[in-house]
Amino acid sequence: MKILLFGMNGQLGWELQRALAPLGEVVALDFDSQGALAADFSQPDALAATVRAVAPQLIVNAAAHTAVDRAESEPDLARTINAVAPAVLAREAAALGSWLLHYSTDYVFDGSGDAPWNENSPTGPLNVYGRTKLEGEQAIRASGCRHLILNLGPDEPECLYSVFLAKLISLKKRLDRDGGALALASLTPHAQSVFQAAGVDKFFDTYADQAEATKALKV
């Protein structure tokens, strides 16, 4: 099976690379991927050519505009990434007869009630992020492609568990328990120099790519 994964450098996308690898050939891309295959969701028209070039049996979309607060000040960009781009993927999936696995959010609901939501629950997004994610879901359903939409929320951390986060938690515990000197011993020499120069926040800024950060953390 050939799998096309978008959003490879996010927390979810990075873990999906590992999880999907045993299933077949994984072509993993992110918005800044170089080469002939475009994956910038702010330029959705280019995504169609990427899907056609790869011709996957499964498209996995883990890319999104996830900055909930910032979406309020840039609604057009949020809509392009969360609604228009998934619509392009759905259209191309339908043309190829491929499956589309799309990760969405519980922000498409209004947050009321105590019962678990399902695919038949009424939606009622309260902000730009939720509205654009819902529009993306609606476009996927309307396309007629074979699809699966997963609505994840912040109260479901087990859905987004990652080796990266586990290592960061372990590092934080060492910092709290042992102090800086002993915690630094758990890092590669380069990561140690970053910590010594600017501390934890700078480390996270430096290692924006989670795969590289995980390599730097030996904990």
N, C-alpha and C. Protein backbone atom coordinates (compact mmCIF):
# COMPACT_ATOMS: atom_id res chain seq x y z
N MET A 1 0.84 -1.20 0.00
CA MET A 1 0.00 0.00 0.00
C MET A 1 0.87 1.24 0.00
N LYS A 2 0.48 2.22 -0.79
CA LYS A 2 1.18 3.51 -0.79
C LYS A 2 0.34 4.51 0.00
N ILE A 3 0.99 5.16 0.95
CA ILE A 3 0.32 6.09 1.86
C ILE A 3 0.94 7.47 1.72
N LEU A 4 0.11 8.47 1.57
CA LEU A 4 0.56 9.86 1.49
C LEU A 4 0.15 10.56 2.78
N LEU A 5 1.14 10.99 3.55
CA LEU A 5 0.90 11.63 4.84
C LEU A 5 1.24 13.10 4.77
N PHE A 6 0.29 13.94 5.16
CA PHE A 6 0.53 15.38 5.26
C PHE A 6 0.61 15.78 6.74
N GLY A 7 1.52 16.73 7.03
CA GLY A 7 1.70 17.17 8.40
C GLY A 7 2.69 16.33 9.17
N MET A 8 3.74 15.91 8.50
CA MET A 8 4.67 14.93 9.09
C MET A 8 5.43 15.45 10.30
N ASN A 9 5.63 16.75 10.42
CA ASN A 9 6.46 17.27 11.50
C ASN A 9 5.69 17.71 12.74
N GLY A 10 4.37 17.59 12.70
CA GLY A 10 3.60 17.86 13.90
C GLY A 10 3.68 16.69 14.86
N GLN A 11 3.21 16.89 16.08
CA GLN A 11 3.25 15.82 17.08
C GLN A 11 2.52 14.58 16.56
N LEU A 12 1.32 14.77 16.02
CA LEU A 12 0.54 13.66 15.49
C LEU A 12 1.20 13.06 14.26
N GLY A 13 1.61 13.92 13.33
CA GLY A 13 2.21 13.44 12.10
C GLY A 13 3.48 12.66 12.31
N TRP A 14 4.28 13.10 13.27
CA TRP A 14 5.55 12.40 13.52
C TRP A 14 5.29 10.99 14.04
N GLU A 15 4.30 10.85 14.92
CA GLU A 15 3.96 9.52 15.43
C GLU A 15 3.31 8.67 14.34
N LEU A 16 2.52 9.29 13.47
CA LEU A 16 1.88 8.54 12.40
C LEU A 16 2.91 7.94 11.44
N GLN A 17 4.00 8.64 11.21
CA GLN A 17 5.04 8.07 10.35
C GLN A 17 5.48 6.72 10.87
N ARG A 18 5.69 6.63 12.17
CA ARG A 18 6.12 5.39 12.79
C ARG A 18 5.02 4.33 12.74
N ALA A 19 3.78 4.76 12.99
CA ALA A 19 2.68 3.81 13.05
C ALA A 19 2.30 3.27 11.67
N LEU A 20 2.43 4.11 10.66
CA LEU A 20 2.01 3.71 9.31
C LEU A 20 3.08 2.92 8.56
N ALA A 21 4.32 3.05 8.97
CA ALA A 21 5.43 2.43 8.23
C ALA A 21 5.23 0.93 7.97
N PRO A 22 4.74 0.15 8.94
CA PRO A 22 4.58 -1.28 8.66
C PRO A 22 3.50 -1.60 7.63
N LEU A 23 2.67 -0.63 7.30
CA LEU A 23 1.55 -0.89 6.40
C LEU A 23 1.91 -0.75 4.93
N GLY A 24 3.04 -0.15 4.64
CA GLY A 24 3.42 0.02 3.25
C GLY A 24 4.40 1.16 3.06
N GLU A 25 4.46 1.68 1.86
CA GLU A 25 5.35 2.80 1.53
C GLU A 25 4.69 4.11 1.97
N VAL A 26 5.37 4.86 2.83
CA VAL A 26 4.83 6.11 3.34
C VAL A 26 5.58 7.28 2.70
N VAL A 27 4.86 8.13 2.00
CA VAL A 27 5.42 9.38 1.49
C VAL A 27 4.95 10.47 2.45
N ALA A 28 5.88 10.97 3.26
CA ALA A 28 5.53 11.91 4.33
C ALA A 28 6.00 13.31 3.96
N LEU A 29 5.10 14.28 4.07
CA LEU A 29 5.39 15.64 3.66
C LEU A 29 4.91 16.63 4.71
N ASP A 30 5.51 17.82 4.68
CA ASP A 30 5.04 18.92 5.52
C ASP A 30 5.03 20.20 4.70
N PHE A 31 4.54 21.27 5.29
CA PHE A 31 4.33 22.50 4.53
C PHE A 31 5.62 23.04 3.92
N ASP A 32 6.77 22.75 4.56
CA ASP A 32 8.03 23.26 4.05
C ASP A 32 8.86 22.21 3.33
N SER A 33 8.22 21.11 2.94
CA SER A 33 8.95 20.06 2.20
C SER A 33 9.49 20.61 0.90
N GLN A 34 10.72 20.23 0.60
CA GLN A 34 11.37 20.67 -0.62
C GLN A 34 11.18 19.63 -1.72
N GLY A 35 11.30 20.06 -2.96
CA GLY A 35 11.20 19.13 -4.06
C GLY A 35 9.93 19.31 -4.86
N ALA A 36 9.62 18.32 -5.68
CA ALA A 36 8.52 18.44 -6.62
C ALA A 36 7.15 18.27 -5.96
N LEU A 37 7.11 17.65 -4.79
CA LEU A 37 5.83 17.37 -4.14
C LEU A 37 5.48 18.49 -3.16
N ALA A 38 4.47 19.25 -3.49
CA ALA A 38 4.06 20.39 -2.65
C ALA A 38 3.14 19.92 -1.54
N ALA A 39 3.30 20.52 -0.37
CA ALA A 39 2.46 20.14 0.78
C ALA A 39 2.10 21.35 1.63
N ASP A 40 2.17 22.54 1.04
CA ASP A 40 1.84 23.76 1.75
C ASP A 40 0.33 23.97 1.67
N PHE A 41 -0.37 23.79 2.78
CA PHE A 41 -1.82 23.87 2.78
C PHE A 41 -2.34 25.28 2.58
N SER A 42 -1.45 26.27 2.67
CA SER A 42 -1.88 27.64 2.36
C SER A 42 -1.92 27.87 0.85
N GLN A 43 -1.44 26.87 0.08
CA GLN A 43 -1.50 26.91 -1.38
C GLN A 43 -2.20 25.63 -1.84
N PRO A 44 -3.48 25.49 -1.59
CA PRO A 44 -4.16 24.20 -1.78
C PRO A 44 -4.20 23.70 -3.21
N ASP A 45 -4.18 24.59 -4.18
CA ASP A 45 -4.25 24.12 -5.57
C ASP A 45 -3.07 23.21 -5.92
N ALA A 46 -1.92 23.45 -5.29
CA ALA A 46 -0.74 22.63 -5.58
C ALA A 46 -0.85 21.24 -4.99
N LEU A 47 -1.72 21.05 -4.02
CA LEU A 47 -1.86 19.73 -3.40
C LEU A 47 -2.40 18.69 -4.37
N ALA A 48 -3.24 19.13 -5.30
CA ALA A 48 -3.82 18.19 -6.25
C ALA A 48 -2.74 17.50 -7.06
N ALA A 49 -1.75 18.26 -7.52
CA ALA A 49 -0.67 17.68 -8.30
C ALA A 49 0.14 16.68 -7.48
N THR A 50 0.30 16.97 -6.20
CA THR A 50 1.03 16.05 -5.33
C THR A 50 0.29 14.72 -5.20
N VAL A 51 -1.00 14.80 -4.95
CA VAL A 51 -1.78 13.56 -4.82
C VAL A 51 -1.73 12.77 -6.12
N ARG A 52 -1.86 13.43 -7.23
CA ARG A 52 -1.83 12.72 -8.52
C ARG A 52 -0.48 12.09 -8.79
N ALA A 53 0.58 12.78 -8.41
CA ALA A 53 1.93 12.25 -8.64
C ALA A 53 2.21 11.02 -7.79
N VAL A 54 1.76 11.04 -6.55
CA VAL A 54 2.01 9.91 -5.65
C VAL A 54 1.03 8.77 -5.90
N ALA A 55 -0.21 9.10 -6.24
CA ALA A 55 -1.27 8.12 -6.49
C ALA A 55 -1.38 7.12 -5.34
N PRO A 56 -1.65 7.62 -4.14
CA PRO A 56 -1.70 6.72 -2.98
C PRO A 56 -3.03 5.97 -2.87
N GLN A 57 -2.99 4.85 -2.17
CA GLN A 57 -4.25 4.18 -1.83
C GLN A 57 -4.88 4.81 -0.58
N LEU A 58 -4.05 5.44 0.23
CA LEU A 58 -4.53 6.08 1.45
C LEU A 58 -3.88 7.45 1.61
N ILE A 59 -4.70 8.48 1.84
CA ILE A 59 -4.21 9.83 2.16
C ILE A 59 -4.51 10.07 3.63
N VAL A 60 -3.50 10.47 4.38
CA VAL A 60 -3.68 10.77 5.80
C VAL A 60 -3.39 12.25 6.01
N ASN A 61 -4.38 12.98 6.48
CA ASN A 61 -4.21 14.41 6.69
C ASN A 61 -4.11 14.73 8.17
N ALA A 62 -2.88 14.99 8.60
CA ALA A 62 -2.63 15.42 9.98
C ALA A 62 -2.21 16.88 10.02
N ALA A 63 -2.40 17.59 8.91
CA ALA A 63 -2.02 19.01 8.84
C ALA A 63 -3.24 19.87 9.15
N ALA A 64 -3.00 21.00 9.80
CA ALA A 64 -4.09 21.91 10.12
C ALA A 64 -3.55 23.22 10.65
N HIS A 65 -4.39 24.23 10.60
CA HIS A 65 -4.13 25.48 11.33
C HIS A 65 -4.71 25.27 12.72
N THR A 66 -3.84 25.00 13.68
CA THR A 66 -4.31 24.60 15.02
C THR A 66 -4.18 25.70 16.07
N ALA A 67 -3.71 26.87 15.69
CA ALA A 67 -3.59 27.97 16.65
C ALA A 67 -4.97 28.60 16.84
N VAL A 68 -5.69 28.12 17.84
CA VAL A 68 -7.10 28.49 18.02
C VAL A 68 -7.27 30.00 18.17
N ASP A 69 -6.48 30.62 19.01
CA ASP A 69 -6.63 32.06 19.24
C ASP A 69 -6.21 32.87 18.01
N ARG A 70 -5.12 32.46 17.38
CA ARG A 70 -4.63 33.21 16.22
C ARG A 70 -5.58 33.12 15.05
N ALA A 71 -6.32 32.04 14.96
CA ALA A 71 -7.28 31.90 13.86
C ALA A 71 -8.30 33.04 13.85
N GLU A 72 -8.59 33.60 15.01
CA GLU A 72 -9.55 34.69 15.07
C GLU A 72 -9.06 35.92 14.31
N SER A 73 -7.75 36.11 14.26
CA SER A 73 -7.19 37.28 13.58
C SER A 73 -6.76 36.98 12.15
N GLU A 74 -6.76 35.72 11.76
CA GLU A 74 -6.41 35.36 10.38
C GLU A 74 -7.39 34.29 9.87
N PRO A 75 -8.69 34.63 9.82
CA PRO A 75 -9.71 33.65 9.44
C PRO A 75 -9.57 33.13 8.02
N ASP A 76 -9.09 33.97 7.11
CA ASP A 76 -8.95 33.52 5.72
C ASP A 76 -7.89 32.43 5.61
N LEU A 77 -6.77 32.62 6.30
CA LEU A 77 -5.72 31.60 6.27
C LEU A 77 -6.21 30.32 6.94
N ALA A 78 -6.88 30.46 8.08
CA ALA A 78 -7.41 29.29 8.78
C ALA A 78 -8.38 28.52 7.88
N ARG A 79 -9.22 29.23 7.17
CA ARG A 79 -10.17 28.56 6.28
C ARG A 79 -9.46 27.86 5.13
N THR A 80 -8.46 28.51 4.58
CA THR A 80 -7.72 27.90 3.47
C THR A 80 -7.09 26.58 3.91
N ILE A 81 -6.46 26.59 5.08
CA ILE A 81 -5.75 25.40 5.55
C ILE A 81 -6.70 24.32 6.06
N ASN A 82 -7.73 24.73 6.79
CA ASN A 82 -8.61 23.76 7.46
C ASN A 82 -9.80 23.31 6.63
N ALA A 83 -10.16 24.08 5.63
CA ALA A 83 -11.35 23.75 4.85
C ALA A 83 -11.06 23.56 3.37
N VAL A 84 -10.42 24.55 2.76
CA VAL A 84 -10.19 24.48 1.31
C VAL A 84 -9.21 23.36 0.96
N ALA A 85 -8.10 23.27 1.68
CA ALA A 85 -7.10 22.24 1.40
C ALA A 85 -7.66 20.83 1.58
N PRO A 86 -8.35 20.52 2.70
CA PRO A 86 -8.95 19.19 2.80
C PRO A 86 -9.96 18.89 1.69
N ALA A 87 -10.66 19.93 1.23
CA ALA A 87 -11.59 19.72 0.12
C ALA A 87 -10.86 19.27 -1.13
N VAL A 88 -9.68 19.83 -1.37
CA VAL A 88 -8.86 19.41 -2.52
C VAL A 88 -8.44 17.96 -2.35
N LEU A 89 -7.98 17.60 -1.16
CA LEU A 89 -7.57 16.22 -0.92
C LEU A 89 -8.74 15.26 -1.13
N ALA A 90 -9.91 15.64 -0.67
CA ALA A 90 -11.09 14.79 -0.82
C ALA A 90 -11.46 14.61 -2.29
N ARG A 91 -11.40 15.70 -3.03
CA ARG A 91 -11.72 15.63 -4.47
C ARG A 91 -10.77 14.68 -5.18
N GLU A 92 -9.48 14.79 -4.87
CA GLU A 92 -8.49 13.94 -5.53
C GLU A 92 -8.61 12.49 -5.05
N ALA A 93 -8.94 12.30 -3.78
CA ALA A 93 -9.15 10.94 -3.28
C ALA A 93 -10.32 10.28 -3.99
N ALA A 94 -11.38 11.04 -4.20
CA ALA A 94 -12.54 10.50 -4.91
C ALA A 94 -12.17 10.11 -6.33
N ALA A 95 -11.36 10.92 -6.98
CA ALA A 95 -10.96 10.64 -8.37
C ALA A 95 -10.10 9.39 -8.45
N LEU A 96 -9.28 9.16 -7.43
CA LEU A 96 -8.38 8.00 -7.43
C LEU A 96 -9.03 6.75 -6.84
N GLY A 97 -10.14 6.93 -6.16
CA GLY A 97 -10.73 5.81 -5.45
C GLY A 97 -9.97 5.48 -4.18
N SER A 98 -9.28 6.48 -3.63
CA SER A 98 -8.46 6.28 -2.43
C SER A 98 -9.27 6.59 -1.18
N TRP A 99 -8.74 6.12 -0.05
CA TRP A 99 -9.28 6.48 1.25
C TRP A 99 -8.63 7.75 1.74
N LEU A 100 -9.40 8.55 2.46
CA LEU A 100 -8.87 9.75 3.11
C LEU A 100 -9.13 9.64 4.61
N LEU A 101 -8.06 9.62 5.37
CA LEU A 101 -8.15 9.65 6.83
C LEU A 101 -7.84 11.08 7.26
N HIS A 102 -8.82 11.73 7.86
CA HIS A 102 -8.72 13.15 8.18
C HIS A 102 -8.86 13.36 9.68
N TYR A 103 -7.88 14.03 10.27
CA TYR A 103 -7.94 14.33 11.70
C TYR A 103 -8.58 15.70 11.90
N SER A 104 -9.65 15.70 12.68
CA SER A 104 -10.35 16.93 12.98
C SER A 104 -10.37 17.14 14.49
N THR A 105 -11.35 17.86 15.00
CA THR A 105 -11.31 18.33 16.36
C THR A 105 -12.71 18.31 16.99
N ASP A 106 -12.74 18.29 18.33
CA ASP A 106 -14.03 18.40 19.00
C ASP A 106 -14.50 19.85 19.08
N TYR A 107 -13.72 20.79 18.54
CA TYR A 107 -14.16 22.18 18.48
C TYR A 107 -15.31 22.37 17.49
N VAL A 108 -15.63 21.35 16.69
CA VAL A 108 -16.78 21.46 15.80
C VAL A 108 -18.09 21.37 16.58
N PHE A 109 -18.03 20.94 17.85
CA PHE A 109 -19.19 20.88 18.73
C PHE A 109 -19.21 22.11 19.63
N ASP A 110 -20.33 22.33 20.32
CA ASP A 110 -20.44 23.54 21.14
C ASP A 110 -20.01 23.32 22.59
N GLY A 111 -19.64 22.09 22.94
CA GLY A 111 -19.14 21.83 24.28
C GLY A 111 -20.20 21.56 25.31
N SER A 112 -21.45 21.54 24.93
CA SER A 112 -22.53 21.33 25.90
C SER A 112 -22.82 19.85 26.08
N GLY A 113 -23.44 19.53 27.19
CA GLY A 113 -23.85 18.15 27.44
C GLY A 113 -22.74 17.31 28.03
N ASP A 114 -23.13 16.13 28.52
CA ASP A 114 -22.18 15.21 29.15
C ASP A 114 -21.96 13.95 28.34
N ALA A 115 -22.84 13.67 27.39
CA ALA A 115 -22.73 12.43 26.61
C ALA A 115 -21.62 12.55 25.57
N PRO A 116 -20.94 11.44 25.28
CA PRO A 116 -19.91 11.46 24.23
C PRO A 116 -20.52 11.83 22.87
N TRP A 117 -19.79 12.58 22.07
CA TRP A 117 -20.26 12.94 20.74
C TRP A 117 -19.98 11.81 19.75
N ASN A 118 -20.79 11.72 18.73
CA ASN A 118 -20.54 10.78 17.64
C ASN A 118 -20.82 11.48 16.32
N GLU A 119 -20.76 10.71 15.23
CA GLU A 119 -20.90 11.33 13.91
C GLU A 119 -22.28 11.91 13.67
N ASN A 120 -23.26 11.55 14.50
CA ASN A 120 -24.60 12.07 14.33
C ASN A 120 -24.93 13.21 15.30
N SER A 121 -23.97 13.58 16.14
CA SER A 121 -24.21 14.64 17.11
C SER A 121 -24.31 15.99 16.40
N PRO A 122 -25.18 16.86 16.87
CA PRO A 122 -25.28 18.20 16.25
C PRO A 122 -24.01 19.00 16.49
N THR A 123 -23.60 19.71 15.47
CA THR A 123 -22.41 20.55 15.59
C THR A 123 -22.81 21.98 15.95
N GLY A 124 -21.84 22.74 16.42
CA GLY A 124 -22.11 24.12 16.80
C GLY A 124 -20.82 24.81 17.20
N PRO A 125 -19.88 24.95 16.28
CA PRO A 125 -18.59 25.55 16.63
C PRO A 125 -18.74 26.98 17.12
N LEU A 126 -17.89 27.34 18.07
CA LEU A 126 -17.99 28.64 18.73
C LEU A 126 -16.90 29.63 18.30
N ASN A 127 -15.99 29.20 17.45
CA ASN A 127 -14.91 30.09 17.04
C ASN A 127 -14.49 29.77 15.61
N VAL A 128 -13.56 30.57 15.10
CA VAL A 128 -13.10 30.43 13.71
C VAL A 128 -12.47 29.06 13.49
N TYR A 129 -11.65 28.65 14.43
CA TYR A 129 -11.00 27.34 14.29
C TYR A 129 -12.04 26.25 14.12
N GLY A 130 -13.01 26.20 15.01
CA GLY A 130 -14.03 25.16 14.93
C GLY A 130 -14.85 25.25 13.66
N ARG A 131 -15.20 26.46 13.25
CA ARG A 131 -16.01 26.62 12.03
C ARG A 131 -15.24 26.18 10.80
N THR A 132 -13.97 26.50 10.72
CA THR A 132 -13.20 26.10 9.53
C THR A 132 -12.94 24.60 9.51
N LYS A 133 -12.74 24.01 10.68
CA LYS A 133 -12.57 22.56 10.72
C LYS A 133 -13.86 21.85 10.32
N LEU A 134 -14.99 22.38 10.77
CA LEU A 134 -16.27 21.81 10.38
C LEU A 134 -16.49 21.93 8.88
N GLU A 135 -16.14 23.07 8.31
CA GLU A 135 -16.29 23.24 6.87
C GLU A 135 -15.45 22.21 6.11
N GLY A 136 -14.27 21.94 6.64
CA GLY A 136 -13.43 20.91 6.02
C GLY A 136 -14.09 19.54 6.06
N GLU A 137 -14.67 19.20 7.20
CA GLU A 137 -15.38 17.92 7.32
C GLU A 137 -16.53 17.84 6.32
N GLN A 138 -17.28 18.91 6.22
CA GLN A 138 -18.44 18.92 5.32
C GLN A 138 -18.01 18.75 3.87
N ALA A 139 -16.89 19.36 3.51
CA ALA A 139 -16.39 19.23 2.14
C ALA A 139 -15.96 17.80 1.85
N ILE A 140 -15.36 17.16 2.83
CA ILE A 140 -14.94 15.77 2.65
C ILE A 140 -16.15 14.88 2.44
N ARG A 141 -17.18 15.05 3.26
CA ARG A 141 -18.38 14.23 3.11
C ARG A 141 -19.06 14.48 1.77
N ALA A 142 -19.08 15.73 1.35
CA ALA A 142 -19.76 16.08 0.10
C ALA A 142 -19.01 15.56 -1.13
N SER A 143 -17.73 15.30 -0.99
CA SER A 143 -16.92 14.87 -2.15
C SER A 143 -17.27 13.48 -2.63
N GLY A 144 -17.82 12.66 -1.75
CA GLY A 144 -18.12 11.28 -2.13
C GLY A 144 -16.94 10.35 -1.99
N CYS A 145 -15.81 10.84 -1.52
CA CYS A 145 -14.65 9.96 -1.36
C CYS A 145 -14.85 9.03 -0.17
N ARG A 146 -14.16 7.93 -0.18
CA ARG A 146 -14.16 7.04 0.97
C ARG A 146 -13.30 7.70 2.05
N HIS A 147 -13.87 7.85 3.23
CA HIS A 147 -13.16 8.65 4.23
C HIS A 147 -13.45 8.19 5.65
N LEU A 148 -12.59 8.59 6.53
CA LEU A 148 -12.76 8.43 7.97
C LEU A 148 -12.31 9.73 8.63
N ILE A 149 -13.19 10.32 9.42
CA ILE A 149 -12.88 11.58 10.11
C ILE A 149 -12.81 11.29 11.61
N LEU A 150 -11.71 11.67 12.22
CA LEU A 150 -11.51 11.48 13.66
C LEU A 150 -11.53 12.83 14.35
N ASN A 151 -12.43 12.98 15.31
CA ASN A 151 -12.52 14.23 16.07
C ASN A 151 -11.83 14.05 17.41
N LEU A 152 -10.64 14.62 17.52
CA LEU A 152 -9.86 14.52 18.75
C LEU A 152 -9.96 15.81 19.54
N GLY A 153 -9.81 15.70 20.85
CA GLY A 153 -9.89 16.88 21.70
C GLY A 153 -8.81 16.87 22.76
N PRO A 154 -8.64 17.98 23.46
CA PRO A 154 -7.60 18.10 24.48
C PRO A 154 -7.83 17.20 25.68
N ASP A 155 -9.04 16.67 25.84
CA ASP A 155 -9.31 15.77 26.95
C ASP A 155 -9.01 14.32 26.61
N GLU A 156 -8.39 14.10 25.44
CA GLU A 156 -8.06 12.76 25.00
C GLU A 156 -6.56 12.65 24.73
N PRO A 157 -5.71 12.86 25.74
CA PRO A 157 -4.27 12.86 25.51
C PRO A 157 -3.74 11.53 25.03
N GLU A 158 -4.44 10.44 25.37
CA GLU A 158 -3.96 9.13 24.94
C GLU A 158 -3.97 9.03 23.42
N CYS A 159 -4.82 9.81 22.76
CA CYS A 159 -4.87 9.78 21.29
C CYS A 159 -3.63 10.42 20.68
N LEU A 160 -2.96 11.29 21.43
CA LEU A 160 -1.83 12.03 20.90
C LEU A 160 -0.55 11.72 21.65
N TYR A 161 -0.51 10.60 22.36
CA TYR A 161 0.69 10.24 23.11
C TYR A 161 1.85 10.08 22.14
N SER A 162 3.00 10.59 22.52
CA SER A 162 4.16 10.47 21.63
C SER A 162 5.42 10.23 22.42
N VAL A 163 6.38 9.60 21.76
CA VAL A 163 7.70 9.40 22.35
C VAL A 163 8.33 10.75 22.67
N PHE A 164 8.11 11.71 21.78
CA PHE A 164 8.66 13.05 21.98
C PHE A 164 8.18 13.66 23.29
N LEU A 165 6.87 13.63 23.51
CA LEU A 165 6.35 14.21 24.74
C LEU A 165 6.81 13.43 25.96
N ALA A 166 6.88 12.13 25.84
CA ALA A 166 7.34 11.32 26.97
C ALA A 166 8.76 11.71 27.36
N LYS A 167 9.59 11.99 26.36
CA LYS A 167 10.97 12.37 26.67
C LYS A 167 11.04 13.76 27.26
N LEU A 168 10.20 14.66 26.79
CA LEU A 168 10.18 16.00 27.37
C LEU A 168 9.73 15.96 28.83
N ILE A 169 8.73 15.12 29.11
CA ILE A 169 8.26 14.98 30.48
C ILE A 169 9.36 14.41 31.37
N SER A 170 10.07 13.42 30.84
CA SER A 170 11.17 12.84 31.60
C SER A 170 12.26 13.87 31.88
N LEU A 171 12.56 14.70 30.87
CA LEU A 171 13.57 15.73 31.06
C LEU A 171 13.13 16.75 32.11
N LYS A 172 11.86 17.16 32.04
CA LYS A 172 11.34 18.12 33.02
C LYS A 172 11.44 17.55 34.44
N LYS A 173 11.13 16.28 34.60
CA LYS A 173 11.22 15.65 35.91
C LYS A 173 12.65 15.66 36.41
N ARG A 174 13.58 15.42 35.51
CA ARG A 174 14.99 15.43 35.92
C ARG A 174 15.43 16.82 36.32
N LEU A 175 14.96 17.82 35.57
CA LEU A 175 15.30 19.19 35.92
C LEU A 175 14.77 19.56 37.30
N ASP A 176 13.54 19.14 37.58
CA ASP A 176 12.93 19.45 38.87
C ASP A 176 13.59 18.69 40.01
N ARG A 177 13.99 17.45 39.74
CA ARG A 177 14.50 16.60 40.79
C ARG A 177 16.00 16.79 41.04
N ASP A 178 16.76 16.81 39.94
CA ASP A 178 18.21 16.74 40.06
C ASP A 178 18.91 18.06 39.83
N GLY A 179 18.19 19.05 39.28
CA GLY A 179 18.85 20.31 38.95
C GLY A 179 19.48 20.24 37.57
N GLY A 180 19.96 21.37 37.14
CA GLY A 180 20.45 21.49 35.77
C GLY A 180 21.60 20.58 35.40
N ALA A 181 22.59 20.44 36.26
CA ALA A 181 23.80 19.72 35.90
C ALA A 181 23.52 18.26 35.57
N LEU A 182 22.75 17.59 36.42
CA LEU A 182 22.47 16.18 36.17
C LEU A 182 21.53 16.01 34.99
N ALA A 183 20.57 16.90 34.85
CA ALA A 183 19.64 16.80 33.72
C ALA A 183 20.37 16.98 32.40
N LEU A 184 21.37 17.86 32.38
CA LEU A 184 22.11 18.09 31.14
C LEU A 184 22.86 16.85 30.68
N ALA A 185 23.19 15.99 31.61
CA ALA A 185 23.92 14.78 31.24
C ALA A 185 23.09 13.86 30.36
N SER A 186 21.78 14.07 30.33
CA SER A 186 20.90 13.23 29.52
C SER A 186 20.80 13.71 28.09
N LEU A 187 21.47 14.81 27.76
CA LEU A 187 21.36 15.40 26.42
C LEU A 187 22.61 15.19 25.60
N THR A 188 22.45 15.30 24.29
CA THR A 188 23.61 15.29 23.41
C THR A 188 24.42 16.55 23.64
N PRO A 189 25.70 16.57 23.25
CA PRO A 189 26.53 17.76 23.48
C PRO A 189 25.94 19.04 22.92
N HIS A 190 25.37 18.98 21.72
CA HIS A 190 24.79 20.19 21.12
C HIS A 190 23.60 20.66 21.95
N ALA A 191 22.74 19.73 22.36
CA ALA A 191 21.58 20.11 23.17
C ALA A 191 22.03 20.69 24.51
N GLN A 192 23.11 20.15 25.07
CA GLN A 192 23.64 20.69 26.32
C GLN A 192 24.05 22.15 26.14
N SER A 193 24.70 22.45 25.03
CA SER A 193 25.15 23.82 24.79
C SER A 193 23.98 24.77 24.65
N VAL A 194 22.87 24.31 24.03
CA VAL A 194 21.68 25.14 23.89
C VAL A 194 21.08 25.43 25.26
N PHE A 195 20.98 24.40 26.08
CA PHE A 195 20.44 24.58 27.42
C PHE A 195 21.28 25.55 28.23
N GLN A 196 22.60 25.38 28.17
CA GLN A 196 23.48 26.23 28.95
C GLN A 196 23.41 27.68 28.50
N ALA A 197 23.15 27.87 27.20
CA ALA A 197 23.12 29.23 26.66
C ALA A 197 21.81 29.95 26.98
N ALA A 198 20.71 29.22 26.90
CA ALA A 198 19.43 29.94 27.00
C ALA A 198 18.33 29.21 27.76
N GLY A 199 18.53 27.96 28.11
CA GLY A 199 17.53 27.27 28.91
C GLY A 199 16.50 26.51 28.10
N VAL A 200 15.47 26.06 28.80
CA VAL A 200 14.50 25.14 28.23
C VAL A 200 13.76 25.72 27.04
N ASP A 201 13.27 26.95 27.17
CA ASP A 201 12.47 27.53 26.09
C ASP A 201 13.25 27.60 24.78
N LYS A 202 14.51 28.00 24.89
CA LYS A 202 15.34 28.09 23.69
C LYS A 202 15.56 26.71 23.07
N PHE A 203 15.65 25.70 23.91
CA PHE A 203 15.80 24.34 23.39
C PHE A 203 14.61 23.97 22.52
N PHE A 204 13.40 24.25 23.01
CA PHE A 204 12.22 23.90 22.24
C PHE A 204 12.13 24.72 20.96
N ASP A 205 12.57 25.98 21.00
CA ASP A 205 12.56 26.80 19.80
C ASP A 205 13.56 26.26 18.78
N THR A 206 14.73 25.84 19.27
CA THR A 206 15.78 25.34 18.38
C THR A 206 15.36 24.06 17.70
N TYR A 207 14.74 23.17 18.47
CA TYR A 207 14.33 21.89 17.92
C TYR A 207 12.84 21.93 17.58
N ALA A 208 12.49 22.72 16.59
CA ALA A 208 11.10 22.79 16.16
C ALA A 208 10.69 21.47 15.51
N ASP A 209 11.64 20.79 14.89
CA ASP A 209 11.37 19.49 14.30
C ASP A 209 11.43 18.45 15.41
N GLN A 210 10.34 17.77 15.64
CA GLN A 210 10.26 16.85 16.76
C GLN A 210 11.19 15.64 16.62
N ALA A 211 11.41 15.22 15.38
CA ALA A 211 12.30 14.08 15.19
C ALA A 211 13.71 14.42 15.63
N GLU A 212 14.18 15.62 15.29
CA GLU A 212 15.50 16.04 15.70
C GLU A 212 15.58 16.26 17.19
N ALA A 213 14.52 16.79 17.78
CA ALA A 213 14.51 17.01 19.22
C ALA A 213 14.58 15.69 19.96
N THR A 214 13.88 14.69 19.45
CA THR A 214 13.88 13.39 20.11
C THR A 214 15.26 12.76 20.06
N LYS A 215 15.97 12.96 18.97
CA LYS A 215 17.34 12.44 18.88
C LYS A 215 18.24 13.14 19.89
N ALA A 216 17.98 14.43 20.09
CA ALA A 216 18.83 15.19 21.02
C ALA A 216 18.58 14.79 22.47
N LEU A 217 17.38 14.34 22.76
CA LEU A 217 17.03 13.93 24.13
C LEU A 217 17.30 12.45 24.30
N LYS A 218 18.26 12.10 25.10
CA LYS A 218 18.60 10.69 25.28
C LYS A 218 17.90 10.10 26.49
N VAL A 219 17.00 10.86 27.11
CA VAL A 219 16.34 10.39 28.33
C VAL A 219 15.33 9.27 27.99
